[in-house]
Amino acid sequence: MKAIILAICTFFVLGTYAQTAQEIVKKSNDAVDVGDMEMTSGIFIYDAKGNLRTRQISTASKKFADCNKMLIRFLAPADVKGTSLLVYDYDNQSDNQWIYMPALRKVRRILSAEKGKNFMGSEFTNADMGKPNLQDYVYVSLGSTELEGKRCWKIEAKCKNEIIQQENGFSRKVMYIDQNNYLTHKVEYYDLSGQLQRVLLNSAYKKLSGSSYFAFHMVMENMQNGRKSEMKVDKFQNGSKLSENVFSPNVLDK
């Protein structure tokens, strides 16, 4: 009888506290929701032979009533200086993106089909520059594993339909989420045919104000073409004094 009672109690305890795969991913997203910020970063782009190109960018992000708005400006080298990307991230709908390229002297909205394309010649994509919409995926737990001494949940996120696949440039992704602090250390991206295409490694996490973290070093490696891109944060500032007018496609060319 005691064994039966213990089994019943165990069932209810586990049922109460067990997390779904989607709940884990939401907590992972919340763990890196830094809110308003400004930073400068370096992007290091390696081709398959190891040749290197560098980019310097500034990024500002700020929350407003309707959405989170992020502005990325290229500072160097000269051939890309002035190029700007503006992203409007919404909670329950696809984001909006605009790009300004000085050579064309025109602000252009990025179409949904273009979001899965490479971001300024790197292995990051335009979609990577925004925040993933939690509702766009079906989540499945693939168990747990150890990654560099960290116990991680292994969660698969599969795009719900072909439109979302085309927007993201992948069919599914597998995330390695730390069971201690919900930080995502690794993401595997699979192309539309189901083959492993890219692998993202996040490291050098730093705790910011409150309970938020930010990865100061990100490496995206393309497993199909041998290319790799790194993003390293040079300076980071909590908060932003920029006005909402700065985050407008109408002033991207200013």
C-alpha atoms as a PDB file:
ATOM      1  CA  MET A   1       0.000   0.000   0.000  1.00  0.00           C
ATOM      2  CA  LYS A   2       2.805   2.420   0.875  1.00  0.00           C
ATOM      3  CA  ALA A   3       4.434   1.722  -2.481  1.00  0.00           C
ATOM      4  CA  ILE A   4       1.182   2.504  -4.304  1.00  0.00           C
ATOM      5  CA  ILE A   5       0.693   5.762  -2.390  1.00  0.00           C
ATOM      6  CA  LEU A   6       4.306   6.765  -3.099  1.00  0.00           C
ATOM      7  CA  ALA A   7       3.867   6.021  -6.783  1.00  0.00           C
ATOM      8  CA  ILE A   8       0.687   8.115  -6.935  1.00  0.00           C
ATOM      9  CA  CYS A   9       2.346  11.025  -5.119  1.00  0.00           C
ATOM     10  CA  THR A  10       5.365  10.842  -7.428  1.00  0.00           C
ATOM     11  CA  PHE A  11       3.077  10.898 -10.460  1.00  0.00           C
ATOM     12  CA  PHE A  12       1.303  14.053  -9.297  1.00  0.00           C
ATOM     13  CA  VAL A  13       4.553  15.805  -8.337  1.00  0.00           C
ATOM     14  CA  LEU A  14       6.129  15.100 -11.711  1.00  0.00           C
ATOM     15  CA  GLY A  15       2.935  16.049 -13.485  1.00  0.00           C
ATOM     16  CA  THR A  16       2.861  19.361 -11.650  1.00  0.00           C
ATOM     17  CA  TYR A  17       6.469  20.371 -12.242  1.00  0.00           C
ATOM     18  CA  ALA A  18       7.307  18.726 -15.581  1.00  0.00           C
ATOM     19  CA  GLN A  19       7.963  21.340 -18.266  1.00  0.00           C
ATOM     20  CA  THR A  20       6.920  21.049 -21.863  1.00  0.00           C
ATOM     21  CA  ALA A  21       9.464  21.604 -24.624  1.00  0.00           C
ATOM     22  CA  GLN A  22       7.777  24.886 -25.546  1.00  0.00           C
ATOM     23  CA  GLU A  23       7.898  26.124 -21.947  1.00  0.00           C
ATOM     24  CA  ILE A  24      11.634  25.427 -21.837  1.00  0.00           C
ATOM     25  CA  VAL A  25      12.196  27.352 -25.069  1.00  0.00           C
ATOM     26  CA  LYS A  26      10.123  30.285 -23.797  1.00  0.00           C
ATOM     27  CA  LYS A  27      12.229  30.454 -20.639  1.00  0.00           C
ATOM     28  CA  SER A  28      15.350  30.315 -22.815  1.00  0.00           C
ATOM     29  CA  ASN A  29      14.077  33.241 -24.896  1.00  0.00           C
ATOM     30  CA  ASP A  30      13.208  35.178 -21.733  1.00  0.00           C
ATOM     31  CA  ALA A  31      16.702  34.571 -20.310  1.00  0.00           C
ATOM     32  CA  VAL A  32      18.259  36.628 -23.132  1.00  0.00           C
ATOM     33  CA  ASP A  33      15.555  39.288 -23.385  1.00  0.00           C
ATOM     34  CA  VAL A  34      17.798  42.233 -22.543  1.00  0.00           C
ATOM     35  CA  GLY A  35      15.332  44.994 -23.415  1.00  0.00           C
ATOM     36  CA  ASP A  36      16.789  48.393 -24.312  1.00  0.00           C
ATOM     37  CA  MET A  37      20.484  48.356 -25.179  1.00  0.00           C
ATOM     38  CA  GLU A  38      23.262  49.699 -27.414  1.00  0.00           C
ATOM     39  CA  MET A  39      26.443  47.901 -28.462  1.00  0.00           C
ATOM     40  CA  THR A  40      29.276  47.752 -30.977  1.00  0.00           C
ATOM     41  CA  SER A  41      30.462  44.469 -32.449  1.00  0.00           C
ATOM     42  CA  GLY A  42      32.869  42.949 -34.901  1.00  0.00           C
ATOM     43  CA  ILE A  43      31.798  40.442 -37.542  1.00  0.00           C
ATOM     44  CA  PHE A  44      34.539  38.152 -38.841  1.00  0.00           C
ATOM     45  CA  ILE A  45      33.705  36.319 -42.065  1.00  0.00           C
ATOM     46  CA  TYR A  46      35.844  33.341 -43.127  1.00  0.00           C
ATOM     47  CA  ASP A  47      35.539  31.642 -46.497  1.00  0.00           C
ATOM     48  CA  ALA A  48      36.182  27.930 -47.042  1.00  0.00           C
ATOM     49  CA  LYS A  49      39.929  28.607 -47.469  1.00  0.00           C
ATOM     50  CA  GLY A  50      40.217  30.614 -44.261  1.00  0.00           C
ATOM     51  CA  ASN A  51      40.412  34.034 -45.908  1.00  0.00           C
ATOM     52  CA  LEU A  52      39.028  36.726 -43.600  1.00  0.00           C
ATOM     53  CA  ARG A  53      36.832  39.782 -44.084  1.00  0.00           C
ATOM     54  CA  THR A  54      35.843  41.993 -41.149  1.00  0.00           C
ATOM     55  CA  ARG A  55      32.902  44.267 -40.444  1.00  0.00           C
ATOM     56  CA  GLN A  56      32.273  46.713 -37.600  1.00  0.00           C
ATOM     57  CA  ILE A  57      28.675  47.408 -36.634  1.00  0.00           C
ATOM     58  CA  SER A  58      26.660  49.313 -34.057  1.00  0.00           C
ATOM     59  CA  THR A  59      23.364  47.959 -32.748  1.00  0.00           C
ATOM     60  CA  ALA A  60      20.605  49.669 -30.800  1.00  0.00           C
ATOM     61  CA  SER A  61      17.461  47.963 -29.546  1.00  0.00           C
ATOM     62  CA  LYS A  62      14.503  49.492 -27.753  1.00  0.00           C
ATOM     63  CA  LYS A  63      11.041  48.349 -26.706  1.00  0.00           C
ATOM     64  CA  PHE A  64       8.031  50.409 -27.688  1.00  0.00           C
ATOM     65  CA  ALA A  65       4.304  49.912 -27.193  1.00  0.00           C
ATOM     66  CA  ASP A  66       3.719  47.907 -30.351  1.00  0.00           C
ATOM     67  CA  CYS A  67       6.994  46.008 -30.777  1.00  0.00           C
ATOM     68  CA  ASN A  68      10.731  45.812 -30.159  1.00  0.00           C
ATOM     69  CA  LYS A  69      12.749  47.844 -32.662  1.00  0.00           C
ATOM     70  CA  MET A  70      16.382  47.208 -33.549  1.00  0.00           C
ATOM     71  CA  LEU A  71      18.725  49.288 -35.696  1.00  0.00           C
ATOM     72  CA  ILE A  72      22.022  47.933 -37.060  1.00  0.00           C
ATOM     73  CA  ARG A  73      24.493  50.268 -38.786  1.00  0.00           C
ATOM     74  CA  PHE A  74      27.728  49.269 -40.499  1.00  0.00           C
ATOM     75  CA  LEU A  75      30.660  51.442 -39.437  1.00  0.00           C
ATOM     76  CA  ALA A  76      33.521  49.858 -41.418  1.00  0.00           C
ATOM     77  CA  PRO A  77      35.076  49.060 -43.832  1.00  0.00           C
ATOM     78  CA  ALA A  78      34.426  51.837 -46.323  1.00  0.00           C
ATOM     79  CA  ASP A  79      32.658  49.661 -48.904  1.00  0.00           C
ATOM     80  CA  VAL A  80      29.801  48.837 -46.489  1.00  0.00           C
ATOM     81  CA  LYS A  81      29.891  51.907 -44.221  1.00  0.00           C
ATOM     82  CA  GLY A  82      26.450  53.465 -43.869  1.00  0.00           C
ATOM     83  CA  THR A  83      24.552  50.290 -44.698  1.00  0.00           C
ATOM     84  CA  SER A  84      21.704  49.996 -42.199  1.00  0.00           C
ATOM     85  CA  LEU A  85      19.194  47.323 -41.213  1.00  0.00           C
ATOM     86  CA  LEU A  86      16.012  48.087 -39.285  1.00  0.00           C
ATOM     87  CA  VAL A  87      13.995  45.302 -37.647  1.00  0.00           C
ATOM     88  CA  TYR A  88      10.553  45.511 -36.062  1.00  0.00           C
ATOM     89  CA  ASP A  89      10.006  42.425 -33.886  1.00  0.00           C
ATOM     90  CA  TYR A  90       6.431  41.534 -32.962  1.00  0.00           C
ATOM     91  CA  ASP A  91       5.299  38.904 -30.479  1.00  0.00           C
ATOM     92  CA  ASN A  92       2.565  37.281 -32.554  1.00  0.00           C
ATOM     93  CA  GLN A  93       3.321  38.097 -36.165  1.00  0.00           C
ATOM     94  CA  SER A  94       6.188  38.087 -38.629  1.00  0.00           C
ATOM     95  CA  ASP A  95       8.754  40.830 -38.170  1.00  0.00           C
ATOM     96  CA  ASN A  96       9.297  43.689 -40.609  1.00  0.00           C
ATOM     97  CA  GLN A  97      12.754  44.507 -41.956  1.00  0.00           C
ATOM     98  CA  TRP A  98      14.166  47.337 -44.041  1.00  0.00           C
ATOM     99  CA  ILE A  99      17.662  47.811 -45.440  1.00  0.00           C
ATOM    100  CA  TYR A 100      19.475  50.878 -46.704  1.00  0.00           C
ATOM    101  CA  MET A 101      22.547  50.500 -48.935  1.00  0.00           C
ATOM    102  CA  PRO A 102      24.425  53.739 -49.739  1.00  0.00           C
ATOM    103  CA  ALA A 103      25.414  52.503 -53.199  1.00  0.00           C
ATOM    104  CA  LEU A 104      21.735  52.263 -54.173  1.00  0.00           C
ATOM    105  CA  ARG A 105      20.670  55.364 -52.204  1.00  0.00           C
ATOM    106  CA  LYS A 106      17.370  53.698 -51.459  1.00  0.00           C
ATOM    107  CA  VAL A 107      15.573  52.232 -48.445  1.00  0.00           C
ATOM    108  CA  ARG A 108      14.103  48.870 -49.359  1.00  0.00           C
ATOM    109  CA  ARG A 109      11.813  46.580 -47.416  1.00  0.00           C
ATOM    110  CA  ILE A 110      13.145  43.025 -47.126  1.00  0.00           C
ATOM    111  CA  LEU A 111      10.597  40.549 -48.460  1.00  0.00           C
ATOM    112  CA  SER A 112       9.619  37.498 -46.423  1.00  0.00           C
ATOM    113  CA  ALA A 113      11.322  35.205 -48.950  1.00  0.00           C
ATOM    114  CA  GLU A 114      14.603  37.123 -48.462  1.00  0.00           C
ATOM    115  CA  LYS A 115      14.794  36.784 -44.679  1.00  0.00           C
ATOM    116  CA  GLY A 116      16.439  33.364 -44.926  1.00  0.00           C
ATOM    117  CA  LYS A 117      19.254  34.745 -47.099  1.00  0.00           C
ATOM    118  CA  ASN A 118      22.731  35.610 -45.846  1.00  0.00           C
ATOM    119  CA  PHE A 119      23.143  38.805 -43.854  1.00  0.00           C
ATOM    120  CA  MET A 120      25.707  41.004 -45.620  1.00  0.00           C
ATOM    121  CA  GLY A 121      27.769  38.072 -46.894  1.00  0.00           C
ATOM    122  CA  SER A 122      28.021  36.313 -43.533  1.00  0.00           C
ATOM    123  CA  GLU A 123      26.691  32.893 -42.520  1.00  0.00           C
ATOM    124  CA  PHE A 124      24.128  34.620 -40.317  1.00  0.00           C
ATOM    125  CA  THR A 125      20.835  35.274 -42.098  1.00  0.00           C
ATOM    126  CA  ASN A 126      18.503  38.257 -42.105  1.00  0.00           C
ATOM    127  CA  ALA A 127      16.101  36.148 -40.024  1.00  0.00           C
ATOM    128  CA  ASP A 128      18.849  35.581 -37.433  1.00  0.00           C
ATOM    129  CA  MET A 129      18.917  39.323 -36.801  1.00  0.00           C
ATOM    130  CA  GLY A 130      15.389  39.213 -35.393  1.00  0.00           C
ATOM    131  CA  LYS A 131      13.893  37.296 -32.493  1.00  0.00           C
ATOM    132  CA  PRO A 132      12.194  33.959 -33.218  1.00  0.00           C
ATOM    133  CA  ASN A 133       8.416  33.892 -32.868  1.00  0.00           C
ATOM    134  CA  LEU A 134       7.568  31.190 -30.340  1.00  0.00           C
ATOM    135  CA  GLN A 135       4.299  30.346 -32.105  1.00  0.00           C
ATOM    136  CA  ASP A 136       5.974  29.550 -35.447  1.00  0.00           C
ATOM    137  CA  TYR A 137       7.228  26.126 -34.354  1.00  0.00           C
ATOM    138  CA  VAL A 138       6.161  22.722 -33.069  1.00  0.00           C
ATOM    139  CA  TYR A 139       8.416  21.694 -30.181  1.00  0.00           C
ATOM    140  CA  VAL A 140       9.579  18.197 -29.280  1.00  0.00           C
ATOM    141  CA  SER A 141      11.929  17.151 -26.492  1.00  0.00           C
ATOM    142  CA  LEU A 142      14.779  14.939 -27.720  1.00  0.00           C
ATOM    143  CA  GLY A 143      15.929  14.166 -24.194  1.00  0.00           C
ATOM    144  CA  SER A 144      19.004  15.577 -22.502  1.00  0.00           C
ATOM    145  CA  THR A 145      22.717  15.492 -23.202  1.00  0.00           C
ATOM    146  CA  GLU A 146      25.980  16.944 -21.944  1.00  0.00           C
ATOM    147  CA  LEU A 147      27.700  19.719 -23.866  1.00  0.00           C
ATOM    148  CA  GLU A 148      31.142  20.816 -22.659  1.00  0.00           C
ATOM    149  CA  GLY A 149      30.325  19.844 -19.097  1.00  0.00           C
ATOM    150  CA  LYS A 150      26.876  21.445 -19.119  1.00  0.00           C
ATOM    151  CA  ARG A 151      23.733  19.351 -18.800  1.00  0.00           C
ATOM    152  CA  CYS A 152      21.373  20.468 -21.555  1.00  0.00           C
ATOM    153  CA  TRP A 153      17.885  19.806 -22.799  1.00  0.00           C
ATOM    154  CA  LYS A 154      17.846  18.923 -26.481  1.00  0.00           C
ATOM    155  CA  ILE A 155      14.771  20.537 -28.030  1.00  0.00           C
ATOM    156  CA  GLU A 156      13.639  20.305 -31.646  1.00  0.00           C
ATOM    157  CA  ALA A 157      11.676  23.212 -33.125  1.00  0.00           C
ATOM    158  CA  LYS A 158      10.036  22.364 -36.432  1.00  0.00           C
ATOM    159  CA  CYS A 159       8.557  25.085 -38.644  1.00  0.00           C
ATOM    160  CA  LYS A 160       4.762  24.786 -38.711  1.00  0.00           C
ATOM    161  CA  ASN A 161       4.387  25.338 -42.448  1.00  0.00           C
ATOM    162  CA  GLU A 162       6.252  25.980 -45.697  1.00  0.00           C
ATOM    163  CA  ILE A 163       5.809  29.757 -45.475  1.00  0.00           C
ATOM    164  CA  ILE A 164       7.661  29.841 -42.153  1.00  0.00           C
ATOM    165  CA  GLN A 165      10.319  27.525 -43.601  1.00  0.00           C
ATOM    166  CA  GLN A 166      10.900  29.902 -46.513  1.00  0.00           C
ATOM    167  CA  GLU A 167      11.057  32.940 -44.214  1.00  0.00           C
ATOM    168  CA  ASN A 168      13.635  31.315 -41.935  1.00  0.00           C
ATOM    169  CA  GLY A 169      15.606  29.399 -44.555  1.00  0.00           C
ATOM    170  CA  PHE A 170      15.419  26.134 -42.601  1.00  0.00           C
ATOM    171  CA  SER A 171      12.927  23.341 -41.915  1.00  0.00           C
ATOM    172  CA  ARG A 172      13.796  22.715 -38.274  1.00  0.00           C
ATOM    173  CA  LYS A 173      16.372  23.497 -35.629  1.00  0.00           C
ATOM    174  CA  VAL A 174      17.687  21.619 -32.612  1.00  0.00           C
ATOM    175  CA  MET A 175      18.591  23.680 -29.542  1.00  0.00           C
ATOM    176  CA  TYR A 176      20.856  22.713 -26.649  1.00  0.00           C
ATOM    177  CA  ILE A 177      19.482  24.573 -23.616  1.00  0.00           C
ATOM    178  CA  ASP A 178      21.298  24.658 -20.282  1.00  0.00           C
ATOM    179  CA  GLN A 179      19.264  22.962 -17.551  1.00  0.00           C
ATOM    180  CA  ASN A 180      20.789  25.258 -14.939  1.00  0.00           C
ATOM    181  CA  ASN A 181      20.078  28.712 -16.365  1.00  0.00           C
ATOM    182  CA  TYR A 182      18.110  28.126 -19.625  1.00  0.00           C
ATOM    183  CA  LEU A 183      20.850  29.609 -21.817  1.00  0.00           C
ATOM    184  CA  THR A 184      21.095  28.204 -25.345  1.00  0.00           C
ATOM    185  CA  HIS A 185      24.660  27.084 -26.042  1.00  0.00           C
ATOM    186  CA  LYS A 186      24.217  25.446 -29.436  1.00  0.00           C
ATOM    187  CA  VAL A 187      21.707  25.421 -32.292  1.00  0.00           C
ATOM    188  CA  GLU A 188      21.693  23.074 -35.295  1.00  0.00           C
ATOM    189  CA  TYR A 189      19.825  24.312 -38.379  1.00  0.00           C
ATOM    190  CA  TYR A 190      18.529  21.854 -40.992  1.00  0.00           C
ATOM    191  CA  ASP A 191      17.823  22.965 -44.557  1.00  0.00           C
ATOM    192  CA  LEU A 192      14.565  22.485 -46.447  1.00  0.00           C
ATOM    193  CA  SER A 193      15.617  18.978 -47.519  1.00  0.00           C
ATOM    194  CA  GLY A 194      16.329  17.981 -43.913  1.00  0.00           C
ATOM    195  CA  GLN A 195      20.137  18.064 -44.107  1.00  0.00           C
ATOM    196  CA  LEU A 196      22.283  19.730 -41.445  1.00  0.00           C
ATOM    197  CA  GLN A 197      23.273  23.121 -42.842  1.00  0.00           C
ATOM    198  CA  ARG A 198      24.495  25.441 -40.090  1.00  0.00           C
ATOM    199  CA  VAL A 199      25.621  25.197 -36.472  1.00  0.00           C
ATOM    200  CA  LEU A 200      25.537  28.142 -34.055  1.00  0.00           C
ATOM    201  CA  LEU A 201      27.673  28.216 -30.902  1.00  0.00           C
ATOM    202  CA  ASN A 202      26.941  30.839 -28.237  1.00  0.00           C
ATOM    203  CA  SER A 203      29.564  31.546 -25.580  1.00  0.00           C
ATOM    204  CA  ALA A 204      30.974  34.238 -23.283  1.00  0.00           C
ATOM    205  CA  TYR A 205      27.565  34.836 -21.733  1.00  0.00           C
ATOM    206  CA  LYS A 206      27.507  37.795 -19.358  1.00  0.00           C
ATOM    207  CA  LYS A 207      24.800  38.537 -16.831  1.00  0.00           C
ATOM    208  CA  LEU A 208      23.239  41.940 -17.260  1.00  0.00           C
ATOM    209  CA  SER A 209      20.754  43.777 -15.078  1.00  0.00           C
ATOM    210  CA  GLY A 210      18.042  41.644 -13.522  1.00  0.00           C
ATOM    211  CA  SER A 211      18.063  38.047 -14.700  1.00  0.00           C
ATOM    212  CA  SER A 212      19.011  38.630 -18.342  1.00  0.00           C
ATOM    213  CA  TYR A 213      22.113  37.313 -20.076  1.00  0.00           C
ATOM    214  CA  PHE A 214      23.788  38.122 -23.383  1.00  0.00           C
ATOM    215  CA  ALA A 215      26.217  36.053 -25.475  1.00  0.00           C
ATOM    216  CA  PHE A 216      29.262  38.201 -26.251  1.00  0.00           C
ATOM    217  CA  HIS A 217      30.634  35.636 -28.715  1.00  0.00           C
ATOM    218  CA  MET A 218      28.657  33.817 -31.425  1.00  0.00           C
ATOM    219  CA  VAL A 219      30.005  31.518 -34.130  1.00  0.00           C
ATOM    220  CA  MET A 220      27.905  30.353 -37.079  1.00  0.00           C
ATOM    221  CA  GLU A 221      29.465  27.605 -39.193  1.00  0.00           C
ATOM    222  CA  ASN A 222      28.034  26.402 -42.484  1.00  0.00           C
ATOM    223  CA  MET A 223      28.532  22.644 -42.597  1.00  0.00           C
ATOM    224  CA  GLN A 224      27.752  22.457 -46.323  1.00  0.00           C
ATOM    225  CA  ASN A 225      30.098  25.078 -47.779  1.00  0.00           C
ATOM    226  CA  GLY A 226      32.831  25.253 -45.121  1.00  0.00           C
ATOM    227  CA  ARG A 227      32.335  28.951 -44.392  1.00  0.00           C
ATOM    228  CA  LYS A 228      32.179  30.447 -40.905  1.00  0.00           C
ATOM    229  CA  SER A 229      31.223  33.780 -39.341  1.00  0.00           C
ATOM    230  CA  GLU A 230      31.905  35.118 -35.852  1.00  0.00           C
ATOM    231  CA  MET A 231      30.272  37.968 -33.996  1.00  0.00           C
ATOM    232  CA  LYS A 232      32.138  39.443 -31.020  1.00  0.00           C
ATOM    233  CA  VAL A 233      30.734  42.204 -28.831  1.00  0.00           C
ATOM    234  CA  ASP A 234      33.226  45.005 -28.112  1.00  0.00           C
ATOM    235  CA  LYS A 235      31.102  47.354 -26.008  1.00  0.00           C
ATOM    236  CA  PHE A 236      27.700  46.832 -24.415  1.00  0.00           C
ATOM    237  CA  GLN A 237      25.446  49.366 -22.712  1.00  0.00           C
ATOM    238  CA  ASN A 238      22.204  48.648 -20.890  1.00  0.00           C
ATOM    239  CA  GLY A 239      19.466  51.053 -21.876  1.00  0.00           C
ATOM    240  CA  SER A 240      19.171  53.446 -24.808  1.00  0.00           C
ATOM    241  CA  LYS A 241      18.421  57.165 -24.950  1.00  0.00           C
ATOM    242  CA  LEU A 242      17.557  57.072 -28.654  1.00  0.00           C
ATOM    243  CA  SER A 243      14.112  58.389 -29.543  1.00  0.00           C
ATOM    244  CA  GLU A 244      11.538  56.390 -31.487  1.00  0.00           C
ATOM    245  CA  ASN A 245      12.123  58.635 -34.515  1.00  0.00           C
ATOM    246  CA  VAL A 246      15.563  57.048 -34.969  1.00  0.00           C
ATOM    247  CA  PHE A 247      13.939  53.634 -35.439  1.00  0.00           C
ATOM    248  CA  SER A 248      12.044  54.603 -38.579  1.00  0.00           C
ATOM    249  CA  PRO A 249      12.594  53.444 -42.180  1.00  0.00           C
ATOM    250  CA  ASN A 250      12.088  57.071 -43.217  1.00  0.00           C
ATOM    251  CA  VAL A 251      15.422  58.108 -41.667  1.00  0.00           C
ATOM    252  CA  LEU A 252      17.555  55.054 -42.517  1.00  0.00           C
ATOM    253  CA  ASP A 253      19.293  57.009 -45.260  1.00  0.00           C
ATOM    254  CA  LYS A 254      20.080  59.983 -43.010  1.00  0.00           C
END
